[in-house]
Amino acid sequence: MHQILVLGHSGELLHPCNPARARQLLRNNRAKMVVHRPFTIQLIPTSIFIDPVAIHERRL
């Protein structure tokens, strides 16, 4: 099975993902292609902030 190399938004190497997940990230503009061979994508930083305290309060 092929694996796609994934870079974090600051360029660090992350765990590889499968091609379907890479296509999903690219389609949703959450990643961009940086190298064609080997196919490598880089995650795009998002401005969404998730407050863990608010999530915890909702579960109570």
N, C-alpha and C. Protein backbone atom coordinates (compact mmCIF):
# COMPACT_ATOMS: atom_id res chain seq x y z
N MET A 1 0.84 -1.18 0.00
CA MET A 1 0.00 0.00 0.00
C MET A 1 0.88 1.24 0.00
N HIS A 2 0.51 2.23 -0.80
CA HIS A 2 1.27 3.46 -0.88
C HIS A 2 0.95 4.36 0.30
N GLN A 3 1.94 5.07 0.74
CA GLN A 3 1.76 6.04 1.81
C GLN A 3 2.20 7.40 1.30
N ILE A 4 1.51 8.44 1.73
CA ILE A 4 1.81 9.80 1.34
C ILE A 4 2.55 10.47 2.50
N LEU A 5 3.69 11.08 2.20
CA LEU A 5 4.45 11.78 3.23
C LEU A 5 3.72 13.07 3.59
N VAL A 6 3.72 13.39 4.89
CA VAL A 6 3.00 14.57 5.38
C VAL A 6 3.96 15.43 6.18
N LEU A 7 3.97 16.73 5.85
CA LEU A 7 4.75 17.70 6.60
C LEU A 7 3.78 18.58 7.38
N GLY A 8 4.19 18.95 8.59
CA GLY A 8 3.39 19.89 9.37
C GLY A 8 3.48 21.28 8.78
N HIS A 9 2.70 22.20 9.29
CA HIS A 9 2.69 23.55 8.71
C HIS A 9 4.03 24.26 8.87
N SER A 10 4.86 23.84 9.84
CA SER A 10 6.18 24.46 9.99
C SER A 10 7.29 23.63 9.34
N GLY A 11 6.93 22.55 8.64
CA GLY A 11 7.90 21.78 7.87
C GLY A 11 8.40 20.51 8.52
N GLU A 12 7.94 20.19 9.73
CA GLU A 12 8.39 18.96 10.39
C GLU A 12 7.68 17.75 9.78
N LEU A 13 8.38 16.64 9.74
CA LEU A 13 7.84 15.41 9.16
C LEU A 13 6.88 14.76 10.15
N LEU A 14 5.66 14.47 9.68
CA LEU A 14 4.64 13.82 10.49
C LEU A 14 4.46 12.39 10.01
N HIS A 15 3.55 11.67 10.60
CA HIS A 15 3.27 10.31 10.17
C HIS A 15 2.66 10.33 8.78
N PRO A 16 3.02 9.37 7.93
CA PRO A 16 2.42 9.32 6.59
C PRO A 16 0.94 8.97 6.67
N CYS A 17 0.21 9.30 5.62
CA CYS A 17 -1.22 8.97 5.57
C CYS A 17 -1.49 8.21 4.27
N ASN A 18 -2.69 7.66 4.17
CA ASN A 18 -3.04 6.94 2.96
C ASN A 18 -3.50 7.93 1.88
N PRO A 19 -3.50 7.52 0.63
CA PRO A 19 -3.84 8.44 -0.46
C PRO A 19 -5.24 9.05 -0.35
N ALA A 20 -6.21 8.30 0.15
CA ALA A 20 -7.57 8.82 0.27
C ALA A 20 -7.61 9.99 1.25
N ARG A 21 -6.91 9.88 2.35
CA ARG A 21 -6.86 10.96 3.34
C ARG A 21 -6.15 12.17 2.75
N ALA A 22 -5.08 11.94 1.99
CA ALA A 22 -4.36 13.05 1.36
C ALA A 22 -5.25 13.78 0.36
N ARG A 23 -6.02 13.04 -0.44
CA ARG A 23 -6.95 13.67 -1.39
C ARG A 23 -7.99 14.51 -0.66
N GLN A 24 -8.48 13.99 0.46
CA GLN A 24 -9.47 14.71 1.25
C GLN A 24 -8.88 16.03 1.78
N LEU A 25 -7.67 15.97 2.30
CA LEU A 25 -7.02 17.18 2.82
C LEU A 25 -6.79 18.20 1.71
N LEU A 26 -6.35 17.74 0.54
CA LEU A 26 -6.11 18.64 -0.58
C LEU A 26 -7.41 19.25 -1.09
N ARG A 27 -8.45 18.45 -1.20
CA ARG A 27 -9.75 18.92 -1.70
C ARG A 27 -10.35 19.97 -0.77
N ASN A 28 -10.15 19.81 0.55
CA ASN A 28 -10.73 20.74 1.52
C ASN A 28 -9.79 21.90 1.85
N ASN A 29 -8.73 22.07 1.05
CA ASN A 29 -7.75 23.15 1.24
C ASN A 29 -7.13 23.15 2.64
N ARG A 30 -6.91 21.95 3.19
CA ARG A 30 -6.26 21.81 4.48
C ARG A 30 -4.78 21.46 4.29
N ALA A 31 -4.38 21.18 3.02
CA ALA A 31 -2.99 20.83 2.72
C ALA A 31 -2.67 21.29 1.30
N LYS A 32 -1.36 21.36 1.00
CA LYS A 32 -0.92 21.68 -0.35
C LYS A 32 0.18 20.70 -0.73
N MET A 33 0.30 20.44 -2.03
CA MET A 33 1.34 19.55 -2.51
C MET A 33 2.66 20.32 -2.57
N VAL A 34 3.74 19.72 -2.03
CA VAL A 34 5.03 20.39 -2.05
C VAL A 34 6.06 19.65 -2.89
N VAL A 35 5.96 18.34 -2.99
CA VAL A 35 6.89 17.55 -3.80
C VAL A 35 6.08 16.50 -4.56
N HIS A 36 6.40 16.32 -5.85
CA HIS A 36 5.66 15.35 -6.66
C HIS A 36 6.19 13.93 -6.46
N ARG A 37 7.51 13.74 -6.40
CA ARG A 37 8.10 12.41 -6.20
C ARG A 37 9.15 12.48 -5.12
N PRO A 38 9.01 11.83 -4.01
CA PRO A 38 7.81 11.14 -3.53
C PRO A 38 6.73 12.14 -3.20
N PHE A 39 5.48 11.75 -3.47
CA PHE A 39 4.36 12.67 -3.28
C PHE A 39 4.31 13.08 -1.82
N THR A 40 4.40 14.39 -1.58
CA THR A 40 4.45 14.93 -0.23
C THR A 40 3.49 16.11 -0.14
N ILE A 41 2.71 16.12 0.96
CA ILE A 41 1.81 17.25 1.19
C ILE A 41 2.24 17.96 2.47
N GLN A 42 1.88 19.23 2.55
CA GLN A 42 2.16 20.02 3.75
C GLN A 42 0.85 20.59 4.26
N LEU A 43 0.60 20.41 5.54
CA LEU A 43 -0.63 20.90 6.14
C LEU A 43 -0.61 22.43 6.18
N ILE A 44 -1.77 23.03 5.98
CA ILE A 44 -1.92 24.47 6.03
C ILE A 44 -2.47 24.82 7.40
N PRO A 45 -1.84 25.78 8.09
CA PRO A 45 -2.35 26.12 9.43
C PRO A 45 -3.76 26.73 9.34
N THR A 46 -4.57 26.37 10.32
CA THR A 46 -5.92 26.91 10.39
C THR A 46 -6.01 27.86 11.56
N SER A 47 -6.97 28.74 11.49
CA SER A 47 -7.13 29.73 12.55
C SER A 47 -8.22 29.32 13.53
N ILE A 48 -8.65 28.07 13.45
CA ILE A 48 -9.70 27.58 14.35
C ILE A 48 -9.08 27.26 15.70
N PHE A 49 -9.62 27.85 16.75
CA PHE A 49 -9.15 27.57 18.10
C PHE A 49 -10.24 26.79 18.82
N ILE A 50 -9.88 25.62 19.33
CA ILE A 50 -10.82 24.79 20.08
C ILE A 50 -10.46 24.90 21.55
N ASP A 51 -11.38 25.41 22.33
CA ASP A 51 -11.15 25.60 23.76
C ASP A 51 -11.47 24.30 24.48
N PRO A 52 -10.46 23.60 25.04
CA PRO A 52 -10.73 22.32 25.71
C PRO A 52 -11.62 22.47 26.93
N VAL A 53 -11.61 23.62 27.58
CA VAL A 53 -12.47 23.84 28.75
C VAL A 53 -13.94 23.87 28.32
N ALA A 54 -14.22 24.54 27.22
CA ALA A 54 -15.60 24.61 26.73
C ALA A 54 -16.11 23.23 26.33
N ILE A 55 -15.26 22.43 25.73
CA ILE A 55 -15.66 21.07 25.34
C ILE A 55 -15.97 20.25 26.59
N HIS A 56 -15.13 20.39 27.60
CA HIS A 56 -15.34 19.64 28.84
C HIS A 56 -16.65 20.07 29.50
N GLU A 57 -16.95 21.36 29.50
CA GLU A 57 -18.18 21.85 30.13
C GLU A 57 -19.42 21.35 29.39
N ARG A 58 -19.34 21.20 28.07
CA ARG A 58 -20.49 20.70 27.31
C ARG A 58 -20.78 19.24 27.64
N ARG A 59 -19.74 18.49 27.96
CA ARG A 59 -19.94 17.06 28.24
C ARG A 59 -20.57 16.83 29.60
N LEU A 60 -20.48 17.80 30.48
CA LEU A 60 -21.05 17.62 31.84
C LEU A 60 -22.53 17.71 31.87
